Protein backbone atom coordinates (compact mmCIF):
# COMPACT_ATOMS: atom_id res chain seq x y z
CA MET A 1 -19.64 0.68 -31.33
CA VAL A 2 -18.32 1.31 -27.82
CA LEU A 3 -16.48 -1.30 -25.79
CA ALA A 4 -15.58 -0.74 -22.16
CA ALA A 5 -13.76 -2.94 -19.66
CA CYS A 6 -12.40 -2.78 -16.17
CA ALA A 7 -9.41 -4.59 -14.71
CA SER A 8 -8.40 -4.84 -11.09
CA THR A 9 -4.90 -5.25 -9.70
CA THR A 10 -6.10 -6.08 -6.19
CA PRO A 11 -6.46 -9.68 -5.07
CA ALA A 12 -9.94 -11.13 -4.73
CA PRO A 13 -11.49 -10.71 -1.25
CA ALA A 14 -12.13 -14.46 -0.99
CA LYS A 15 -8.41 -15.06 -1.47
CA ASP A 16 -7.61 -12.50 1.26
CA ALA A 17 -9.98 -14.23 3.65
CA ALA A 18 -8.35 -17.59 2.91
CA VAL A 19 -4.91 -16.13 3.58
CA ALA A 20 -6.10 -14.56 6.82
CA ALA A 21 -7.65 -17.82 7.97
CA ALA A 22 -4.46 -19.73 7.21
CA ASP A 23 -2.13 -17.33 9.01
CA GLU A 24 -3.05 -15.84 12.36
CA ASN A 25 -0.34 -13.21 11.82
CA VAL A 26 -2.36 -11.62 9.02
CA VAL A 27 -4.33 -8.45 9.69
CA CYS A 28 -7.09 -7.34 7.32
CA ASP A 29 -8.50 -3.85 7.13
CA ARG A 30 -10.65 -1.83 4.77
CA GLU A 31 -8.93 0.98 2.89
CA THR A 32 -10.36 3.65 0.63
CA ARG A 33 -7.84 4.62 -2.01
CA THR A 34 -7.48 8.20 -3.18
CA GLY A 35 -9.82 8.95 -6.06
CA THR A 36 -12.53 6.47 -5.12
CA ILE A 37 -15.25 6.15 -2.54
CA LEU A 38 -15.26 2.35 -2.63
CA PRO A 39 -13.29 0.74 0.19
CA THR A 40 -11.35 -2.45 -0.46
CA LYS A 41 -10.23 -5.14 1.95
CA ARG A 42 -6.46 -5.49 2.32
CA CYS A 43 -4.84 -8.32 4.25
CA ARG A 44 -1.13 -8.18 5.11
CA THR A 45 1.31 -10.22 7.15
CA ALA A 46 3.49 -8.72 9.85
CA GLU A 47 6.43 -8.69 7.42
CA GLN A 48 4.40 -6.81 4.81
CA ARG A 49 3.20 -4.28 7.38
CA GLU A 50 6.81 -3.74 8.54
CA ALA A 51 7.99 -3.28 4.95
CA ASP A 52 5.19 -0.72 4.39
CA ARG A 53 6.20 1.11 7.58
CA ARG A 54 9.87 1.26 6.45
CA THR A 55 8.82 2.55 3.03
CA VAL A 56 6.71 5.31 4.58
CA GLU A 57 9.57 6.32 6.89
CA SER A 58 11.96 6.45 3.94
CA VAL A 59 9.61 8.61 1.87
CA GLU A 60 8.98 10.94 4.82
CA ALA A 61 12.73 11.28 5.46
CA GLY A 62 13.26 12.10 1.77
CA ALA A 63 10.56 14.76 1.91
CA ARG A 64 12.15 16.29 5.02
CA ASN A 65 15.55 16.35 3.30
CA ILE A 66 14.12 18.05 0.24
CA ARG A 67 12.40 20.70 2.36
CA ALA A 68 15.68 21.23 4.21
CA GLY A 69 17.53 21.61 0.89
CA GLN A 70 19.45 18.35 1.24
CA THR A 71 18.77 16.44 -1.97
CA GLY A 72 21.53 13.89 -1.44
CA LYS A 73 23.06 14.77 -4.81
CA PRO A 74 26.78 15.61 -5.01
CA GLY A 75 27.44 19.31 -5.12
CA SER A 76 24.14 20.25 -3.45
């Protein structure tokens, strides 16, 4: 016997639409994650978008430091 199941960690689209309708500061867009061809709708507030932007900048700065040989570790 074979049993298969699928679980999703993304919020339901109806919930996203309700959030967007309740807050005019919410922006929704469709994103296609790596490894899939199915786009999903993602709604975020201005604060969430800013936090995402800061995270991306931090990761990019870390990558630049690694390429430059500056790991941030003592003795490097």
